[in-house]
């Protein structure tokens, strides 16, 4: 069993690993549903499971800026907001749709490999893993 950082309430709880740059397809998917401003995207990310690994505003806006620089999204100022300053509203472009489709293909392939591995592991060991080692035990080997 892998030890988690000391003092953590979920010290021994399993945690999924982040998929590198997964925020890109998540944002593209959300924008494909409807054009929206950055703050609205932050709220919508929670519905995709980002509550477990919160993303800060700066990461969302950096990613949106990068996607826009690469032609995957475009934005305009919404001057008709009822309260507050104008907001930049983002939408997916045709190259962004293709990029999202590539991401989905890759994620499906990854999902297949992960499920094959987990099925094989479960078939071999079920609820009785072959051994439990702490990080300290592995370092000593």
N, C-alpha and C. Protein backbone atom coordinates (compact mmCIF):
# COMPACT_ATOMS: atom_id res chain seq x y z
N UNK A 1 0.85 -1.15 0.00
CA UNK A 1 0.00 0.00 0.00
C UNK A 1 0.90 1.23 0.00
N UNK A 2 0.62 2.20 -0.84
CA UNK A 2 1.41 3.42 -0.94
C UNK A 2 0.98 4.36 0.18
N UNK A 3 1.94 4.83 0.94
CA UNK A 3 1.65 5.78 2.01
C UNK A 3 1.44 7.16 1.42
N UNK A 4 0.46 7.87 1.91
CA UNK A 4 0.20 9.24 1.49
C UNK A 4 0.95 10.17 2.43
N UNK A 5 0.92 11.45 2.12
CA UNK A 5 1.61 12.42 2.96
C UNK A 5 1.11 12.34 4.39
N UNK A 6 2.02 12.50 5.32
CA UNK A 6 1.69 12.41 6.74
C UNK A 6 0.65 13.44 7.12
N UNK A 7 -0.27 13.03 7.97
CA UNK A 7 -1.27 13.95 8.47
C UNK A 7 -2.50 14.11 7.60
N UNK A 8 -2.48 13.52 6.43
CA UNK A 8 -3.62 13.64 5.53
C UNK A 8 -4.75 12.75 6.03
N UNK A 9 -6.00 13.27 6.08
CA UNK A 9 -7.11 12.45 6.54
C UNK A 9 -7.40 11.28 5.62
N UNK A 10 -6.97 11.37 4.38
CA UNK A 10 -7.17 10.26 3.43
C UNK A 10 -5.84 9.61 3.11
N UNK A 11 -5.01 9.48 4.13
CA UNK A 11 -3.64 9.01 3.96
C UNK A 11 -3.55 7.72 3.15
N UNK A 12 -4.44 6.77 3.40
CA UNK A 12 -4.37 5.49 2.70
C UNK A 12 -5.44 5.32 1.64
N UNK A 13 -6.18 6.36 1.37
CA UNK A 13 -7.25 6.27 0.37
C UNK A 13 -6.66 6.34 -1.03
N UNK A 14 -7.18 5.53 -1.94
CA UNK A 14 -6.71 5.60 -3.33
C UNK A 14 -7.13 6.92 -3.97
N UNK A 15 -6.28 7.42 -4.83
CA UNK A 15 -6.59 8.67 -5.53
C UNK A 15 -6.27 8.48 -7.01
N UNK A 16 -7.19 8.88 -7.88
CA UNK A 16 -6.86 8.81 -9.31
C UNK A 16 -5.77 9.82 -9.63
N UNK A 17 -5.00 9.52 -10.63
CA UNK A 17 -3.94 10.42 -11.07
C UNK A 17 -4.49 11.38 -12.10
N UNK A 18 -3.89 12.53 -12.17
CA UNK A 18 -4.30 13.52 -13.17
C UNK A 18 -3.85 13.07 -14.55
N UNK A 19 -4.66 13.35 -15.53
CA UNK A 19 -4.28 13.15 -16.92
C UNK A 19 -3.69 14.47 -17.39
N UNK A 20 -2.49 14.42 -17.86
CA UNK A 20 -1.80 15.64 -18.27
C UNK A 20 -2.65 16.45 -19.26
N UNK A 21 -2.83 17.72 -18.96
CA UNK A 21 -3.56 18.67 -19.81
C UNK A 21 -5.03 18.31 -20.01
N UNK A 22 -5.60 17.52 -19.11
CA UNK A 22 -6.99 17.10 -19.25
C UNK A 22 -7.96 18.28 -19.22
N UNK A 23 -7.51 19.39 -18.70
CA UNK A 23 -8.38 20.57 -18.68
C UNK A 23 -8.73 21.02 -20.10
N UNK A 24 -7.85 20.77 -21.06
CA UNK A 24 -8.13 21.18 -22.45
C UNK A 24 -9.39 20.52 -23.00
N UNK A 25 -9.48 19.18 -23.02
CA UNK A 25 -10.72 18.60 -23.56
C UNK A 25 -11.93 18.92 -22.70
N UNK A 26 -11.71 19.07 -21.39
CA UNK A 26 -12.84 19.40 -20.52
C UNK A 26 -13.41 20.76 -20.90
N UNK A 27 -12.55 21.74 -21.08
CA UNK A 27 -13.03 23.07 -21.47
C UNK A 27 -13.67 23.06 -22.86
N UNK A 28 -13.05 22.36 -23.80
CA UNK A 28 -13.61 22.28 -25.15
C UNK A 28 -14.99 21.63 -25.13
N UNK A 29 -15.14 20.57 -24.37
CA UNK A 29 -16.43 19.90 -24.25
C UNK A 29 -17.49 20.86 -23.70
N UNK A 30 -17.13 21.56 -22.62
CA UNK A 30 -18.09 22.48 -22.02
C UNK A 30 -18.46 23.60 -22.99
N UNK A 31 -17.48 24.10 -23.73
CA UNK A 31 -17.75 25.16 -24.69
C UNK A 31 -18.53 24.66 -25.90
N UNK A 32 -18.40 23.39 -26.20
CA UNK A 32 -19.16 22.81 -27.30
C UNK A 32 -20.64 22.77 -26.95
N UNK A 33 -20.93 22.57 -25.67
CA UNK A 33 -22.33 22.56 -25.23
C UNK A 33 -22.95 23.94 -25.38
N UNK A 34 -22.18 24.98 -25.01
CA UNK A 34 -22.67 26.35 -25.17
C UNK A 34 -21.51 27.32 -24.93
N UNK A 35 -21.48 28.41 -25.69
CA UNK A 35 -20.47 29.43 -25.42
C UNK A 35 -20.68 29.99 -24.01
N UNK A 36 -19.60 30.24 -23.31
CA UNK A 36 -19.72 30.70 -21.93
C UNK A 36 -18.46 31.47 -21.53
N UNK A 37 -18.55 32.23 -20.47
CA UNK A 37 -17.41 32.99 -19.96
C UNK A 37 -16.61 32.12 -18.99
N UNK A 38 -15.44 32.58 -18.64
CA UNK A 38 -14.51 31.80 -17.82
C UNK A 38 -15.07 31.39 -16.47
N UNK A 39 -15.76 32.29 -15.79
CA UNK A 39 -16.30 31.96 -14.48
C UNK A 39 -17.35 30.84 -14.59
N UNK A 40 -18.17 30.90 -15.63
CA UNK A 40 -19.15 29.85 -15.85
C UNK A 40 -18.48 28.50 -16.10
N UNK A 41 -17.33 28.53 -16.78
CA UNK A 41 -16.58 27.30 -17.02
C UNK A 41 -16.08 26.71 -15.71
N UNK A 42 -15.64 27.56 -14.79
CA UNK A 42 -15.17 27.07 -13.49
C UNK A 42 -16.28 26.30 -12.78
N UNK A 43 -17.48 26.84 -12.82
CA UNK A 43 -18.61 26.15 -12.19
C UNK A 43 -18.90 24.83 -12.89
N UNK A 44 -18.88 24.83 -14.23
CA UNK A 44 -19.19 23.63 -15.00
C UNK A 44 -18.13 22.53 -14.84
N UNK A 45 -16.88 22.91 -14.59
CA UNK A 45 -15.82 21.91 -14.40
C UNK A 45 -16.11 21.01 -13.20
N UNK A 46 -16.79 21.54 -12.21
CA UNK A 46 -17.13 20.73 -11.03
C UNK A 46 -18.01 19.54 -11.43
N UNK A 47 -18.89 19.74 -12.41
CA UNK A 47 -19.76 18.65 -12.87
C UNK A 47 -18.99 17.55 -13.58
N UNK A 48 -17.77 17.85 -14.02
CA UNK A 48 -16.94 16.86 -14.71
C UNK A 48 -15.95 16.18 -13.77
N UNK A 49 -16.11 16.38 -12.49
CA UNK A 49 -15.25 15.71 -11.53
C UNK A 49 -14.06 16.52 -11.05
N UNK A 50 -13.98 17.78 -11.43
CA UNK A 50 -12.85 18.59 -11.01
C UNK A 50 -12.97 19.07 -9.56
N UNK A 51 -14.04 18.71 -8.88
CA UNK A 51 -14.13 19.05 -7.46
C UNK A 51 -13.10 18.28 -6.66
N UNK A 52 -12.70 17.10 -7.15
CA UNK A 52 -11.66 16.32 -6.48
C UNK A 52 -10.28 16.96 -6.64
N UNK A 53 -10.06 17.57 -7.78
CA UNK A 53 -8.80 18.25 -8.09
C UNK A 53 -9.13 19.64 -8.59
N UNK A 54 -9.43 20.55 -7.68
CA UNK A 54 -9.84 21.89 -8.11
C UNK A 54 -8.79 22.55 -8.99
N UNK A 55 -9.29 23.30 -9.95
CA UNK A 55 -8.43 24.05 -10.86
C UNK A 55 -8.63 25.52 -10.53
N UNK A 56 -7.54 26.26 -10.43
CA UNK A 56 -7.70 27.67 -10.09
C UNK A 56 -8.03 28.48 -11.34
N UNK A 57 -8.56 29.68 -11.09
CA UNK A 57 -8.97 30.55 -12.19
C UNK A 57 -7.83 30.81 -13.16
N UNK A 58 -6.63 31.03 -12.65
CA UNK A 58 -5.52 31.37 -13.53
C UNK A 58 -5.22 30.23 -14.50
N UNK A 59 -5.34 28.97 -14.06
CA UNK A 59 -5.09 27.83 -14.96
C UNK A 59 -6.15 27.77 -16.06
N UNK A 60 -7.40 28.05 -15.70
CA UNK A 60 -8.47 28.04 -16.70
C UNK A 60 -8.21 29.12 -17.73
N UNK A 61 -7.91 30.32 -17.28
CA UNK A 61 -7.70 31.42 -18.22
C UNK A 61 -6.42 31.25 -19.04
N UNK A 62 -5.37 30.69 -18.46
CA UNK A 62 -4.15 30.39 -19.23
C UNK A 62 -4.45 29.37 -20.33
N UNK A 63 -5.22 28.35 -19.97
CA UNK A 63 -5.57 27.32 -20.95
C UNK A 63 -6.46 27.91 -22.05
N UNK A 64 -7.43 28.72 -21.67
CA UNK A 64 -8.29 29.36 -22.67
C UNK A 64 -7.47 30.24 -23.61
N UNK A 65 -6.53 31.00 -23.05
CA UNK A 65 -5.68 31.86 -23.87
C UNK A 65 -4.84 31.03 -24.83
N UNK A 66 -4.28 29.93 -24.34
CA UNK A 66 -3.49 29.05 -25.20
C UNK A 66 -4.35 28.43 -26.31
N UNK A 67 -5.54 27.96 -25.95
CA UNK A 67 -6.44 27.39 -26.95
C UNK A 67 -6.83 28.44 -27.98
N UNK A 68 -7.03 29.67 -27.54
CA UNK A 68 -7.38 30.73 -28.48
C UNK A 68 -6.20 31.08 -29.39
N UNK A 69 -5.01 31.15 -28.82
CA UNK A 69 -3.81 31.43 -29.63
C UNK A 69 -3.59 30.36 -30.69
N UNK A 70 -3.99 29.11 -30.38
CA UNK A 70 -3.83 28.00 -31.32
C UNK A 70 -5.05 27.77 -32.19
N UNK A 71 -6.01 28.68 -32.14
CA UNK A 71 -7.17 28.61 -33.03
C UNK A 71 -8.22 27.58 -32.65
N UNK A 72 -8.15 27.05 -31.43
CA UNK A 72 -9.12 26.02 -31.01
C UNK A 72 -10.39 26.64 -30.44
N UNK A 73 -10.28 27.85 -29.88
CA UNK A 73 -11.45 28.59 -29.42
C UNK A 73 -11.31 30.03 -29.89
N UNK A 74 -12.42 30.74 -29.85
CA UNK A 74 -12.41 32.17 -30.12
C UNK A 74 -13.29 32.83 -29.07
N UNK A 75 -13.10 34.13 -28.91
CA UNK A 75 -13.87 34.82 -27.88
C UNK A 75 -14.27 36.21 -28.34
N UNK A 76 -15.31 36.71 -27.72
CA UNK A 76 -15.79 38.07 -27.93
C UNK A 76 -16.24 38.60 -26.59
N UNK A 77 -16.27 39.92 -26.47
CA UNK A 77 -16.77 40.54 -25.26
C UNK A 77 -18.28 40.54 -25.28
N UNK A 78 -18.89 40.12 -24.18
CA UNK A 78 -20.35 40.19 -24.02
C UNK A 78 -20.65 41.53 -23.39
N UNK A 79 -21.14 42.46 -24.19
CA UNK A 79 -21.42 43.81 -23.72
C UNK A 79 -22.84 43.95 -23.18
N UNK A 80 -23.61 42.86 -23.24
CA UNK A 80 -25.00 42.92 -22.82
C UNK A 80 -25.22 42.28 -21.45
N UNK A 81 -24.19 42.16 -20.64
CA UNK A 81 -24.37 41.58 -19.31
C UNK A 81 -25.22 42.52 -18.47
N UNK A 82 -26.04 41.94 -17.61
CA UNK A 82 -26.97 42.76 -16.84
C UNK A 82 -26.29 43.43 -15.64
N UNK A 83 -25.27 42.82 -15.12
CA UNK A 83 -24.58 43.41 -13.96
C UNK A 83 -23.08 43.17 -14.10
N UNK A 84 -22.30 44.10 -13.62
CA UNK A 84 -20.86 43.94 -13.62
C UNK A 84 -20.23 44.32 -14.95
N UNK A 85 -18.93 44.13 -15.02
CA UNK A 85 -18.20 44.50 -16.23
C UNK A 85 -18.46 43.49 -17.36
N UNK A 86 -18.17 43.89 -18.60
CA UNK A 86 -18.32 42.93 -19.71
C UNK A 86 -17.43 41.71 -19.48
N UNK A 87 -17.88 40.59 -19.99
CA UNK A 87 -17.13 39.34 -19.85
C UNK A 87 -16.78 38.81 -21.22
N UNK A 88 -15.65 38.14 -21.29
CA UNK A 88 -15.23 37.49 -22.53
C UNK A 88 -15.94 36.14 -22.60
N UNK A 89 -16.66 35.91 -23.70
CA UNK A 89 -17.38 34.66 -23.91
C UNK A 89 -16.62 33.85 -24.96
N UNK A 90 -16.38 32.57 -24.62
CA UNK A 90 -15.59 31.68 -25.47
C UNK A 90 -16.48 30.69 -26.18
N UNK A 91 -16.05 30.30 -27.40
CA UNK A 91 -16.74 29.27 -28.18
C UNK A 91 -15.71 28.45 -28.93
N UNK A 92 -16.07 27.22 -29.24
CA UNK A 92 -15.17 26.29 -29.93
C UNK A 92 -15.19 26.57 -31.43
N UNK A 93 -14.02 26.50 -32.06
CA UNK A 93 -13.90 26.64 -33.51
C UNK A 93 -13.89 25.25 -34.15
N UNK A 94 -13.91 25.20 -35.47
CA UNK A 94 -13.84 23.91 -36.17
C UNK A 94 -12.55 23.16 -35.82
N UNK A 95 -11.37 23.82 -35.81
CA UNK A 95 -10.17 23.10 -35.38
C UNK A 95 -10.26 22.63 -33.92
N UNK A 96 -10.97 23.36 -33.09
CA UNK A 96 -11.16 22.95 -31.71
C UNK A 96 -12.01 21.70 -31.61
N UNK A 97 -13.02 21.60 -32.48
CA UNK A 97 -13.86 20.39 -32.51
C UNK A 97 -13.03 19.17 -32.92
N UNK A 98 -12.17 19.35 -33.91
CA UNK A 98 -11.31 18.25 -34.35
C UNK A 98 -10.32 17.86 -33.25
N UNK A 99 -9.77 18.85 -32.57
CA UNK A 99 -8.84 18.60 -31.47
C UNK A 99 -9.54 17.84 -30.35
N UNK A 100 -10.76 18.23 -30.03
CA UNK A 100 -11.53 17.52 -29.00
C UNK A 100 -11.80 16.08 -29.43
N UNK A 101 -12.14 15.88 -30.69
CA UNK A 101 -12.38 14.51 -31.19
C UNK A 101 -11.12 13.66 -31.03
N UNK A 102 -9.94 14.23 -31.32
CA UNK A 102 -8.69 13.50 -31.12
C UNK A 102 -8.48 13.15 -29.64
N UNK A 103 -8.76 14.11 -28.76
CA UNK A 103 -8.65 13.85 -27.33
C UNK A 103 -9.57 12.71 -26.91
N UNK A 104 -10.81 12.74 -27.39
CA UNK A 104 -11.78 11.71 -27.02
C UNK A 104 -11.30 10.34 -27.51
N UNK A 105 -10.77 10.27 -28.73
CA UNK A 105 -10.22 9.01 -29.23
C UNK A 105 -9.10 8.50 -28.33
N UNK A 106 -8.19 9.40 -27.94
CA UNK A 106 -7.08 9.01 -27.06
C UNK A 106 -7.59 8.59 -25.69
N UNK A 107 -8.56 9.32 -25.15
CA UNK A 107 -9.09 8.96 -23.84
C UNK A 107 -9.80 7.61 -23.88
N UNK A 108 -10.52 7.34 -24.97
CA UNK A 108 -11.18 6.04 -25.09
C UNK A 108 -10.15 4.91 -25.16
N UNK A 109 -9.07 5.12 -25.89
CA UNK A 109 -8.01 4.11 -25.97
C UNK A 109 -7.37 3.90 -24.59
N UNK A 110 -7.13 4.99 -23.88
CA UNK A 110 -6.57 4.89 -22.53
C UNK A 110 -7.53 4.16 -21.61
N UNK A 111 -8.80 4.48 -21.71
CA UNK A 111 -9.82 3.82 -20.90
C UNK A 111 -9.82 2.31 -21.16
N UNK A 112 -9.71 1.91 -22.41
CA UNK A 112 -9.69 0.50 -22.76
C UNK A 112 -8.49 -0.21 -22.12
N UNK A 113 -7.31 0.41 -22.23
CA UNK A 113 -6.11 -0.19 -21.65
C UNK A 113 -6.24 -0.28 -20.13
N UNK A 114 -6.70 0.79 -19.50
CA UNK A 114 -6.85 0.78 -18.04
C UNK A 114 -7.84 -0.28 -17.59
N UNK A 115 -8.97 -0.38 -18.28
CA UNK A 115 -9.95 -1.39 -17.89
C UNK A 115 -9.43 -2.80 -18.11
N UNK A 116 -8.68 -3.03 -19.18
CA UNK A 116 -8.10 -4.35 -19.41
C UNK A 116 -7.14 -4.72 -18.28
N UNK A 117 -6.30 -3.76 -17.90
CA UNK A 117 -5.37 -4.01 -16.80
C UNK A 117 -6.12 -4.29 -15.50
N UNK A 118 -7.09 -3.44 -15.17
CA UNK A 118 -7.82 -3.60 -13.92
C UNK A 118 -8.63 -4.90 -13.89
N UNK A 119 -9.21 -5.28 -15.02
CA UNK A 119 -9.93 -6.55 -15.09
C UNK A 119 -8.98 -7.72 -14.87
N UNK A 120 -7.81 -7.68 -15.51
CA UNK A 120 -6.83 -8.75 -15.33
C UNK A 120 -6.36 -8.81 -13.88
N UNK A 121 -6.10 -7.67 -13.28
CA UNK A 121 -5.66 -7.62 -11.89
C UNK A 121 -6.74 -8.19 -10.97
N UNK A 122 -7.99 -7.73 -11.17
CA UNK A 122 -9.09 -8.23 -10.34
C UNK A 122 -9.30 -9.72 -10.52
N UNK A 123 -9.18 -10.22 -11.75
CA UNK A 123 -9.32 -11.65 -11.98
C UNK A 123 -8.21 -12.44 -11.30
N UNK A 124 -7.03 -11.88 -11.25
CA UNK A 124 -5.91 -12.57 -10.63
C UNK A 124 -5.95 -12.50 -9.10
N UNK A 125 -6.34 -11.35 -8.55
CA UNK A 125 -6.20 -11.17 -7.12
C UNK A 125 -7.49 -10.82 -6.39
N UNK A 126 -8.50 -10.35 -7.11
CA UNK A 126 -9.75 -9.97 -6.46
C UNK A 126 -9.51 -8.96 -5.35
N UNK A 127 -10.10 -9.21 -4.20
CA UNK A 127 -9.96 -8.30 -3.07
C UNK A 127 -8.75 -8.65 -2.20
N UNK A 128 -7.93 -9.59 -2.65
CA UNK A 128 -6.78 -10.04 -1.87
C UNK A 128 -5.49 -9.74 -2.64
N UNK A 129 -5.00 -8.49 -2.56
CA UNK A 129 -3.79 -8.15 -3.32
C UNK A 129 -2.62 -9.03 -2.90
N UNK A 130 -1.68 -9.25 -3.80
CA UNK A 130 -0.59 -10.19 -3.53
C UNK A 130 0.35 -9.73 -2.41
N UNK A 131 0.42 -8.46 -2.15
CA UNK A 131 1.29 -7.95 -1.09
C UNK A 131 0.94 -6.49 -0.83
N UNK A 132 1.39 -6.03 0.31
CA UNK A 132 1.23 -4.62 0.65
C UNK A 132 2.58 -4.11 1.12
N UNK A 133 3.09 -3.13 0.42
CA UNK A 133 4.35 -2.51 0.79
C UNK A 133 4.15 -1.03 1.02
N UNK A 134 4.79 -0.51 2.02
CA UNK A 134 4.78 0.93 2.21
C UNK A 134 5.90 1.50 1.34
N UNK A 135 5.92 2.80 1.19
CA UNK A 135 6.99 3.45 0.43
C UNK A 135 8.33 3.11 1.05
N UNK A 136 8.42 3.10 2.39
CA UNK A 136 9.69 2.79 3.06
C UNK A 136 10.15 1.39 2.74
N UNK A 137 9.22 0.40 2.66
CA UNK A 137 9.59 -0.97 2.32
C UNK A 137 10.16 -1.06 0.92
N UNK A 138 9.58 -0.32 -0.03
CA UNK A 138 10.07 -0.37 -1.40
C UNK A 138 11.44 0.25 -1.53
N UNK A 139 11.71 1.29 -0.78
CA UNK A 139 13.01 1.95 -0.84
C UNK A 139 14.09 1.01 -0.30
N UNK A 140 13.73 0.20 0.70
CA UNK A 140 14.70 -0.71 1.33
C UNK A 140 15.08 -1.87 0.43
N UNK A 141 14.25 -2.19 -0.55
CA UNK A 141 14.53 -3.37 -1.41
C UNK A 141 15.70 -3.17 -2.31
